[in-house]
Amino acid sequence: MSTRQWGIVLIALGVIVALLSIFADAIGVGAQPGIIGWKQILGAAAGAVFVVAGFYVLIRARSGRTDA
């Protein structure tokens, strides 16, 4: 898998994690309907970190810098 593909996977994973966390109550897995709890906030923050990391990987891949 190329570096560019890894970036896209990280972005997609981050968006999915963030959306699932935010809408946990609506899909029936939240602890208290109508209240965004600390676990949901933590999940949304983790998703945002994955999205930012994915964009970072994409930018490095686009510039040609894939070294560690």
Protein backbone atom coordinates (compact mmCIF):
# COMPACT_ATOMS: atom_id res chain seq x y z
CA MET A 1 0.00 0.00 0.00
CA SER A 2 1.40 3.36 -0.98
CA THR A 3 1.90 6.29 1.35
CA ARG A 4 -0.90 8.20 -0.39
CA GLN A 5 -3.31 5.32 0.20
CA TRP A 6 -2.35 5.21 3.89
CA GLY A 7 -3.21 8.88 4.16
CA ILE A 8 -6.62 8.32 2.60
CA VAL A 9 -7.27 5.35 4.91
CA LEU A 10 -6.36 7.43 7.98
CA ILE A 11 -8.69 10.23 6.90
CA ALA A 12 -11.58 7.85 6.23
CA LEU A 13 -11.02 6.03 9.53
CA GLY A 14 -10.92 9.31 11.41
CA VAL A 15 -14.15 10.54 9.86
CA ILE A 16 -15.89 7.24 10.64
CA VAL A 17 -14.68 7.21 14.27
CA ALA A 18 -15.68 10.83 14.81
CA LEU A 19 -19.14 10.40 13.29
CA LEU A 20 -19.83 7.18 15.19
CA SER A 21 -18.77 8.87 18.41
CA ILE A 22 -20.86 11.97 17.90
CA PHE A 23 -23.98 10.08 16.77
CA ALA A 24 -23.70 7.21 19.26
CA ASP A 25 -26.95 8.21 20.95
CA ALA A 26 -28.82 8.36 17.65
CA ILE A 27 -27.71 4.86 16.62
CA GLY A 28 -28.51 3.43 20.04
CA VAL A 29 -25.10 2.77 21.58
CA GLY A 30 -24.82 5.90 23.71
CA ALA A 31 -25.11 5.74 27.49
CA GLN A 32 -27.50 8.69 27.97
CA PRO A 33 -29.67 9.74 25.02
CA GLY A 34 -29.50 13.43 24.30
CA ILE A 35 -26.27 14.02 26.21
CA ILE A 36 -22.83 13.97 24.63
CA GLY A 37 -20.65 12.28 27.23
CA TRP A 38 -16.93 12.31 27.79
CA LYS A 39 -16.45 9.06 25.86
CA GLN A 40 -18.14 10.55 22.82
CA ILE A 41 -15.99 13.67 23.06
CA LEU A 42 -12.86 11.53 23.41
CA GLY A 43 -13.89 9.46 20.36
CA ALA A 44 -14.54 12.57 18.30
CA ALA A 45 -11.15 14.00 19.31
CA ALA A 46 -9.42 10.72 18.40
CA GLY A 47 -11.16 10.80 15.02
CA ALA A 48 -9.96 14.36 14.47
CA VAL A 49 -6.39 13.28 15.28
CA PHE A 50 -6.64 10.51 12.67
CA VAL A 51 -7.92 13.00 10.08
CA VAL A 52 -5.07 15.43 10.78
CA ALA A 53 -2.52 12.59 10.64
CA GLY A 54 -3.99 11.45 7.34
CA PHE A 55 -3.68 14.91 5.83
CA TYR A 56 -0.10 15.11 7.10
CA VAL A 57 0.72 11.79 5.41
CA LEU A 58 -0.94 12.95 2.17
CA ILE A 59 0.99 16.22 2.15
CA ARG A 60 4.28 14.37 2.73
CA ALA A 61 3.42 11.90 -0.03
CA ARG A 62 2.56 14.68 -2.44
CA SER A 63 5.82 16.51 -1.75
CA GLY A 64 7.77 13.30 -2.28
CA ARG A 65 9.11 13.12 1.29
CA THR A 66 8.27 9.60 2.42
CA ASP A 67 11.45 9.03 4.42
CA ALA A 68 11.17 8.39 8.14
